[in-house]
Amino acid sequence: MCRAAENQQTIHDLEASPQREEGWHTSRRAVLGAVAAAAVAAPLLATAQAAAATSASESDAALSLVLLGTNGGPPPLANRYGIASALIVNGKTYVVDCGRGAVTQYLRAGLSLPALAGIFLTHLHADHIVDYYSFPLLAAGASGAQGFRTPVSVYGPGPAGMPSTVAGAPGPVAGTVEMTRMAGQAYAASPTFFMTERAGIDPATLLNVHDVLPPAAIGASATNTAPTMRPFTVMENDDVKVSAILVPHGAVYPAYAYRFDTDHGSVVLSGDTAPTPNIITLAKDADALVHEALYPDGLASLGLPQALIDHILASHTDVAELGRIAAEAGAGTLVATHLGPGDPATVSDATWRRLLRDSAHRSGYGGRMLLGTDLMHVPVRRGHIRRR
């Protein structure tokens, strides 16, 4: 997968270069040169700047991953967009999480709105849902490449079963279905004005929303958020089977990781999670594991309240753990995303590469490791090279 077959050895150290900034897949000569010079094997680290840099043959892959945004956390950054990813399966696109700028990045990646077949939300934190309702709200009634008229299926966490602490909130914390309904009411003025002039439709008619709740038998709840469990099927069609598993993320419930299985390969997206055996179960022998990454030392310079630091440390995964997780899962490629801190001025890409390389070396992980960047395009193919 991802041209792993071209490199029968792994690279000890591969830093960014002007040539590599055009796309990680374009620097084959530099890669082979680095392989020849490497005395110690370690995982390949690679970056990409834009989907436009992907060659035509790779863009035609039946299964592709596009990282629309890779920033971790709600605070907006000038140089990273909010967390969002897209999987393209046989020409249909499935979006996982809708962080800040997801619609803009979707279009910048060259993706077609009429090809949007599904949206999956891992959990309902602001940085994962802020651009969710923008998809139907901005596309309502638009024709051609500017919008969509066929309803898009949405799958997201069901109700948490806990009271809301927000003043004026109507009842308990809402799940995805109720959240979507209330978003439609909050933005009712715009479609009302358009429909009065016969220039649009109700955005709610463009969504077919489903609350995802775990099987009752496992006993999960807001006080037992991620018990050890097996994955369960969320959706299945002729192109893809989507499975979910609960993951621990502080007070959030439910919080999910998703696995996409296709005839062409498999991709797992961790969502936000502390280390958990559930991820290893879900990602068993996956071709690609897209996992969040936290660098605890990078938090020190941000001036955050101690309570927030404690929350971040307890509910996310240290980048040092990623090699072990990928090795235990037997994942062919690990892609680090939801980077925290996400600002390159705080933690440089070179530092992230070093941290990933060290993590792989300590765990003996021999698969490929990619540092996620906005608009990175990764063709996925079954039959990856696995080195244990």
Protein backbone atom coordinates (compact mmCIF):
# COMPACT_ATOMS: atom_id res chain seq x y z
CA MET A 1 0.00 0.00 0.00
CA CYS A 2 1.08 3.59 -0.62
CA ARG A 3 4.02 2.48 -2.80
CA ALA A 4 5.53 0.38 -0.02
CA ALA A 5 6.47 -2.23 -2.61
CA GLU A 6 8.97 0.20 -4.12
CA ASN A 7 11.00 0.22 -0.94
CA GLN A 8 12.23 -3.16 0.19
CA GLN A 9 14.01 -1.52 3.11
CA THR A 10 12.84 1.17 5.45
CA ILE A 11 14.41 4.55 5.95
CA HIS A 12 16.34 5.47 9.06
CA ASP A 13 15.67 9.21 8.80
CA LEU A 14 13.80 11.17 6.16
CA GLU A 15 13.37 14.90 6.73
CA ALA A 16 11.36 17.30 4.58
CA SER A 17 12.99 18.78 1.52
CA PRO A 18 11.83 21.26 -1.16
CA GLN A 19 11.29 18.34 -3.52
CA ARG A 20 9.25 16.41 -0.95
CA GLU A 21 6.98 19.39 -0.32
CA GLU A 22 5.51 18.73 -3.77
CA GLY A 23 4.15 15.42 -2.43
CA TRP A 24 5.58 12.47 -0.59
CA HIS A 25 5.03 10.14 -3.51
CA THR A 26 6.96 12.27 -6.03
CA SER A 27 10.44 11.91 -4.53
CA ARG A 28 11.21 8.31 -5.46
CA ARG A 29 14.83 9.08 -6.33
CA ALA A 30 15.41 10.77 -2.99
CA VAL A 31 13.75 7.87 -1.20
CA LEU A 32 15.90 5.27 -2.91
CA GLY A 33 19.00 7.30 -2.17
CA ALA A 34 18.13 7.46 1.49
CA VAL A 35 17.46 3.73 1.56
CA ALA A 36 20.89 3.01 0.13
CA ALA A 37 22.51 5.16 2.80
CA ALA A 38 20.51 3.75 5.71
CA ALA A 39 22.42 1.42 7.99
CA VAL A 40 19.60 0.85 10.46
CA ALA A 41 16.05 0.04 9.40
CA ALA A 42 13.24 2.23 10.74
CA PRO A 43 9.79 3.14 9.40
CA LEU A 44 9.26 5.37 6.42
CA LEU A 45 8.05 8.83 7.34
CA ALA A 46 6.51 10.93 4.62
CA THR A 47 4.43 14.03 4.16
CA ALA A 48 2.28 15.60 1.47
CA GLN A 49 1.12 19.16 0.94
CA ALA A 50 -1.80 18.87 -1.44
CA ALA A 51 -4.01 16.32 -3.14
CA ALA A 52 -3.21 18.06 -6.43
CA ALA A 53 0.32 16.69 -6.18
CA THR A 54 -0.96 13.11 -6.50
CA SER A 55 -0.32 11.50 -9.87
CA ALA A 56 -3.26 10.56 -12.06
CA SER A 57 -2.67 6.84 -11.60
CA GLU A 58 -2.74 7.17 -7.81
CA SER A 59 -5.80 9.43 -7.88
CA ASP A 60 -7.65 6.66 -9.69
CA ALA A 61 -7.14 4.21 -6.82
CA ALA A 62 -10.38 2.46 -5.88
CA LEU A 63 -9.74 3.32 -2.22
CA SER A 64 -8.08 6.56 -1.15
CA LEU A 65 -7.69 8.50 2.06
CA VAL A 66 -7.58 12.30 2.07
CA LEU A 67 -6.76 14.19 5.26
CA LEU A 68 -8.88 17.32 4.97
CA GLY A 69 -7.65 18.79 8.27
CA THR A 70 -5.17 17.54 10.85
CA ASN A 71 -5.34 19.96 13.79
CA GLY A 72 -6.17 18.61 17.23
CA GLY A 73 -8.41 20.64 19.52
CA PRO A 74 -10.93 23.46 19.15
CA PRO A 75 -8.61 26.54 19.05
CA PRO A 76 -8.35 27.59 15.37
CA LEU A 77 -4.96 27.80 13.68
CA ALA A 78 -3.88 29.77 10.63
CA ASN A 79 -1.81 26.91 9.23
CA ARG A 80 -3.86 23.77 10.00
CA TYR A 81 -7.54 23.12 9.41
CA GLY A 82 -9.81 21.30 11.86
CA ILE A 83 -9.89 17.53 12.04
CA ALA A 84 -11.68 15.92 9.10
CA SER A 85 -10.88 13.04 6.78
CA ALA A 86 -12.39 11.62 3.62
CA LEU A 87 -12.40 8.12 2.19
CA ILE A 88 -13.07 7.69 -1.50
CA VAL A 89 -14.43 4.22 -2.31
CA ASN A 90 -15.23 3.40 -5.93
CA GLY A 91 -15.85 7.07 -6.65
CA LYS A 92 -18.07 7.68 -3.62
CA THR A 93 -16.86 9.84 -0.74
CA TYR A 94 -17.35 9.28 2.97
CA VAL A 95 -16.36 12.05 5.38
CA VAL A 96 -15.27 11.24 8.92
CA ASP A 97 -15.61 14.21 11.28
CA CYS A 98 -16.27 17.77 10.17
CA GLY A 99 -13.85 20.12 11.88
CA ARG A 100 -13.30 23.79 11.07
CA GLY A 101 -13.06 24.31 7.31
CA ALA A 102 -14.16 20.80 6.34
CA VAL A 103 -16.34 22.04 3.45
CA THR A 104 -13.59 24.30 2.12
CA GLN A 105 -10.98 21.54 2.38
CA TYR A 106 -13.33 19.05 0.76
CA LEU A 107 -13.49 21.26 -2.31
CA ARG A 108 -9.79 22.15 -2.22
CA ALA A 109 -9.06 18.42 -2.30
CA GLY A 110 -10.92 18.22 -5.60
CA LEU A 111 -13.77 16.18 -4.15
CA SER A 112 -17.26 16.37 -5.64
CA LEU A 113 -20.24 17.30 -3.48
CA PRO A 114 -22.60 15.15 -5.58
CA ALA A 115 -20.27 12.21 -4.78
CA LEU A 116 -20.71 12.67 -1.01
CA ALA A 117 -22.30 9.41 0.15
CA GLY A 118 -21.95 9.56 3.92
CA ILE A 119 -20.79 11.48 6.97
CA PHE A 120 -19.55 9.75 10.11
CA LEU A 121 -19.01 11.59 13.40
CA THR A 122 -16.71 9.98 15.96
CA HIS A 123 -17.99 12.13 18.84
CA LEU A 124 -19.70 15.45 19.44
CA HIS A 125 -16.86 17.71 20.59
CA ALA A 126 -16.90 21.08 18.83
CA ASP A 127 -13.70 20.51 16.85
CA HIS A 128 -15.25 17.43 15.21
CA ILE A 129 -18.70 18.79 14.34
CA VAL A 130 -18.41 22.56 13.83
CA ASP A 131 -18.65 22.28 10.01
CA TYR A 132 -21.08 19.35 9.94
CA TYR A 133 -24.29 21.23 9.23
CA SER A 134 -22.43 23.47 6.77
CA PHE A 135 -22.56 20.65 4.21
CA PRO A 136 -26.37 20.65 3.79
CA LEU A 137 -26.85 24.31 4.71
CA LEU A 138 -24.54 25.55 1.94
CA ALA A 139 -25.46 22.91 -0.62
CA ALA A 140 -29.24 23.01 -0.21
CA GLY A 141 -30.82 23.18 -3.62
CA ALA A 142 -27.57 23.73 -5.50
CA SER A 143 -27.21 21.75 -8.69
CA GLY A 144 -24.30 20.17 -10.51
CA ALA A 145 -20.86 20.28 -8.88
CA GLN A 146 -21.91 23.00 -6.43
CA GLY A 147 -24.18 20.88 -4.28
CA PHE A 148 -26.18 17.69 -3.94
CA ARG A 149 -29.83 16.75 -4.08
CA THR A 150 -29.69 13.09 -3.04
CA PRO A 151 -29.90 12.71 0.75
CA VAL A 152 -26.60 11.90 2.46
CA SER A 153 -26.58 9.31 5.22
CA VAL A 154 -25.15 10.54 8.53
CA TYR A 155 -24.02 8.31 11.38
CA GLY A 156 -23.03 9.74 14.73
CA PRO A 157 -23.20 9.14 18.48
CA GLY A 158 -26.59 8.67 20.05
CA PRO A 159 -27.74 10.41 23.24
CA ALA A 160 -25.27 10.35 26.13
CA GLY A 161 -27.88 9.69 28.76
CA MET A 162 -26.67 12.54 30.93
CA PRO A 163 -28.15 15.95 31.78
CA SER A 164 -26.85 19.03 30.00
CA THR A 165 -25.05 21.68 32.04
CA VAL A 166 -25.68 24.37 29.42
CA ALA A 167 -28.17 27.02 30.54
CA GLY A 168 -31.37 26.82 28.53
CA ALA A 169 -30.52 23.54 26.81
CA PRO A 170 -33.70 21.55 26.22
CA GLY A 171 -33.28 18.43 28.34
CA PRO A 172 -30.44 15.88 28.35
CA VAL A 173 -27.40 15.98 26.07
CA ALA A 174 -28.63 15.34 22.53
CA GLY A 175 -27.39 12.70 20.13
CA THR A 176 -26.70 13.28 16.45
CA VAL A 177 -30.34 13.05 15.33
CA GLU A 178 -31.58 15.64 17.81
CA MET A 179 -28.51 17.85 17.34
CA THR A 180 -29.18 17.92 13.59
CA ARG A 181 -32.84 18.78 14.12
CA MET A 182 -31.94 21.67 16.42
CA ALA A 183 -29.29 22.91 13.98
CA GLY A 184 -31.96 23.02 11.29
CA GLN A 185 -34.15 25.13 13.57
CA ALA A 186 -31.29 27.45 14.51
CA TYR A 187 -30.53 28.17 10.85
CA ALA A 188 -34.16 28.17 9.68
CA ALA A 189 -34.10 31.80 8.50
CA SER A 190 -31.80 31.21 5.53
CA PRO A 191 -33.69 28.34 3.84
CA THR A 192 -37.01 30.03 4.64
CA PHE A 193 -35.95 33.13 2.72
CA PHE A 194 -34.60 31.08 -0.18
CA MET A 195 -37.66 28.82 -0.37
CA THR A 196 -39.96 31.86 -0.30
CA GLU A 197 -38.34 32.85 -3.59
CA ARG A 198 -38.27 29.24 -4.84
CA ALA A 199 -34.47 29.34 -4.82
CA GLY A 200 -33.64 26.55 -2.40
CA ILE A 201 -34.82 23.64 -0.29
CA ASP A 202 -34.85 22.69 3.37
CA PRO A 203 -31.30 21.48 4.24
CA ALA A 204 -32.76 18.87 6.57
CA THR A 205 -34.18 17.02 3.55
CA LEU A 206 -30.60 16.41 2.37
CA LEU A 207 -29.67 14.33 5.41
CA ASN A 208 -30.71 10.87 6.55
CA VAL A 209 -29.43 10.87 10.12
CA HIS A 210 -28.83 7.85 12.35
CA ASP A 211 -27.95 7.72 16.05
CA VAL A 212 -25.28 5.11 16.70
CA LEU A 213 -25.49 3.36 20.07
CA PRO A 214 -23.39 0.36 21.18
CA PRO A 215 -24.97 -3.05 21.75
CA ALA A 216 -26.86 -3.02 25.03
CA ALA A 217 -25.23 -6.27 26.16
CA ILE A 218 -21.82 -4.70 26.77
CA GLY A 219 -23.17 -2.42 29.51
CA ALA A 220 -21.66 0.83 28.25
CA SER A 221 -22.85 4.11 29.71
CA ALA A 222 -21.75 7.63 30.57
CA THR A 223 -20.01 6.13 33.62
CA ASN A 224 -18.58 3.13 31.73
CA THR A 225 -17.69 4.72 28.43
CA ALA A 226 -15.48 2.16 26.70
CA PRO A 227 -15.62 -1.37 28.08
CA THR A 228 -13.64 -4.04 26.26
CA MET A 229 -15.81 -5.15 23.36
CA ARG A 230 -15.95 -6.44 19.81
CA PRO A 231 -16.67 -4.12 16.86
CA PHE A 232 -20.26 -3.86 15.65
CA THR A 233 -21.59 -3.02 12.19
CA VAL A 234 -22.85 0.52 11.65
CA MET A 235 -23.51 0.49 7.91
CA GLU A 236 -22.93 -1.80 4.95
CA ASN A 237 -23.52 -1.47 1.21
CA ASP A 238 -22.03 -2.89 -1.99
CA ASP A 239 -18.88 -0.76 -1.62
CA VAL A 240 -18.03 -0.69 2.07
CA LYS A 241 -18.74 -2.14 5.48
CA VAL A 242 -18.35 0.31 8.38
CA SER A 243 -17.80 -1.00 11.89
CA ALA A 244 -17.44 0.91 15.15
CA ILE A 245 -15.99 0.39 18.60
CA LEU A 246 -16.17 2.53 21.72
CA VAL A 247 -13.08 4.46 22.77
CA PRO A 248 -12.31 6.32 26.02
CA HIS A 249 -12.24 10.11 25.69
CA GLY A 250 -12.79 11.70 29.05
CA ALA A 251 -16.43 12.45 29.84
CA VAL A 252 -17.52 11.98 26.20
CA TYR A 253 -20.05 9.21 25.58
CA PRO A 254 -20.44 7.64 23.14
CA ALA A 255 -17.08 8.19 21.39
CA TYR A 256 -16.23 5.90 18.48
CA ALA A 257 -13.47 4.72 16.24
CA TYR A 258 -14.57 3.51 12.80
CA ARG A 259 -13.26 0.83 10.46
CA PHE A 260 -13.98 0.88 6.71
CA ASP A 261 -13.60 -2.51 4.99
CA THR A 262 -13.70 -2.65 1.20
CA ASP A 263 -12.70 -5.06 -1.55
CA HIS A 264 -9.61 -2.89 -2.05
CA GLY A 265 -8.36 -2.55 1.52
CA SER A 266 -9.24 -1.45 5.02
CA VAL A 267 -8.85 1.83 6.89
CA VAL A 268 -9.38 2.52 10.61
CA LEU A 269 -9.83 6.01 12.06
CA SER A 270 -9.32 6.25 15.80
CA GLY A 271 -11.23 9.43 16.56
CA ASP A 272 -10.12 10.99 19.85
CA THR A 273 -9.02 8.38 22.32
CA ALA A 274 -6.78 7.48 25.19
CA PRO A 275 -4.82 4.25 24.64
CA THR A 276 -7.25 1.34 24.62
CA PRO A 277 -7.24 -2.32 23.58
CA ASN A 278 -10.42 -1.59 21.65
CA ILE A 279 -8.38 0.24 18.98
CA ILE A 280 -6.05 -2.73 18.59
CA THR A 281 -9.08 -5.01 18.22
CA LEU A 282 -10.71 -2.78 15.61
CA ALA A 283 -7.48 -2.23 13.65
CA LYS A 284 -6.41 -5.88 13.50
CA ASP A 285 -4.49 -6.34 10.21
CA ALA A 286 -5.87 -3.09 8.77
CA ASP A 287 -4.08 -1.69 5.76
CA ALA A 288 -4.05 1.80 7.32
CA LEU A 289 -4.59 3.03 10.86
CA VAL A 290 -5.27 6.78 11.08
CA HIS A 291 -4.58 7.66 14.70
CA GLU A 292 -4.58 10.83 16.77
CA ALA A 293 -1.24 11.97 18.22
CA LEU A 294 -0.39 14.02 21.29
CA TYR A 295 3.05 15.35 22.25
CA PRO A 296 2.79 16.07 25.99
CA ASP A 297 5.98 18.15 26.17
CA GLY A 298 4.53 20.44 23.52
CA LEU A 299 1.75 21.51 25.88
CA ALA A 300 4.15 23.20 28.28
CA SER A 301 4.57 26.39 26.25
CA LEU A 302 0.85 26.96 25.60
CA GLY A 303 0.00 28.49 28.98
CA LEU A 304 -3.03 26.26 29.48
CA PRO A 305 -4.82 25.87 32.82
CA GLN A 306 -3.67 22.79 34.69
CA ALA A 307 -7.18 21.31 34.64
CA LEU A 308 -7.20 21.46 30.84
CA ILE A 309 -3.72 19.95 30.63
CA ASP A 310 -4.82 17.10 32.89
CA HIS A 311 -7.86 16.49 30.66
CA ILE A 312 -5.75 16.44 27.50
CA LEU A 313 -3.19 14.04 28.95
CA ALA A 314 -5.86 11.68 30.25
CA SER A 315 -8.05 11.57 27.14
CA HIS A 316 -5.57 11.45 24.24
CA THR A 317 -2.75 9.19 23.05
CA ASP A 318 0.93 10.09 23.45
CA VAL A 319 2.71 9.87 20.10
CA ALA A 320 5.24 7.63 21.84
CA GLU A 321 2.53 4.93 22.01
CA LEU A 322 1.70 4.86 18.30
CA GLY A 323 4.40 2.41 17.25
CA ARG A 324 3.28 -0.09 19.87
CA ILE A 325 -0.38 0.29 18.94
CA ALA A 326 0.31 -0.18 15.23
CA ALA A 327 2.58 -3.16 15.90
CA GLU A 328 0.08 -4.92 18.17
CA ALA A 329 -2.70 -4.33 15.65
CA GLY A 330 -0.56 -5.51 12.74
CA ALA A 331 -1.52 -2.39 10.78
CA GLY A 332 0.36 -1.96 7.52
CA THR A 333 0.60 1.83 7.69
CA LEU A 334 0.08 4.28 10.52
CA VAL A 335 -1.00 7.84 9.70
CA ALA A 336 -0.68 10.37 12.54
CA THR A 337 -3.33 13.08 12.58
CA HIS A 338 -5.29 15.28 15.05
CA LEU A 339 -1.88 16.60 16.05
CA GLY A 340 -1.69 18.20 19.45
CA PRO A 341 -0.28 20.78 19.65
CA GLY A 342 -1.03 21.36 15.99
CA ASP A 343 0.81 24.64 15.48
CA PRO A 344 4.12 24.00 13.66
CA ALA A 345 5.57 26.97 15.52
CA THR A 346 5.11 24.97 18.72
CA VAL A 347 5.98 21.49 17.45
CA SER A 348 7.68 21.35 14.07
CA ASP A 349 7.02 18.68 11.46
CA ALA A 350 10.64 17.56 11.90
CA THR A 351 9.97 16.98 15.59
CA TRP A 352 6.81 14.99 14.84
CA ARG A 353 8.78 12.82 12.39
CA ARG A 354 11.46 12.17 14.99
CA LEU A 355 8.83 11.26 17.59
CA LEU A 356 7.13 8.85 15.21
CA ARG A 357 10.44 7.30 14.22
CA ASP A 358 11.44 6.84 17.86
CA SER A 359 8.07 5.32 18.69
CA ALA A 360 8.37 2.79 15.88
CA HIS A 361 11.97 1.94 16.80
CA ARG A 362 11.15 1.28 20.45
CA SER A 363 8.22 -1.00 19.59
CA GLY A 364 9.84 -2.80 16.68
CA TYR A 365 7.09 -1.62 14.34
CA GLY A 366 8.22 -2.17 10.75
CA GLY A 367 5.27 -0.74 8.86
CA ARG A 368 5.12 2.61 7.19
CA MET A 369 4.48 5.71 9.28
CA LEU A 370 3.15 8.91 7.73
CA LEU A 371 2.93 12.32 9.33
CA GLY A 372 -0.46 13.70 8.42
CA THR A 373 -0.70 17.08 6.74
CA ASP A 374 -3.71 18.96 5.43
CA LEU A 375 -4.82 17.67 2.00
CA MET A 376 -2.50 14.69 2.17
CA HIS A 377 -3.71 12.02 -0.28
CA VAL A 378 -2.90 8.37 0.43
CA PRO A 379 -3.94 5.70 -2.09
CA VAL A 380 -4.76 2.51 -0.16
CA ARG A 381 -4.17 -0.94 -1.56
CA ARG A 382 -4.58 -4.35 -0.01
CA GLY A 383 -1.50 -6.46 0.60
CA HIS A 384 0.81 -4.10 2.45
CA ILE A 385 4.35 -5.03 3.44
CA ARG A 386 4.43 -5.87 7.13
CA ARG A 387 7.74 -6.07 9.00
CA ARG A 388 7.55 -7.18 12.58
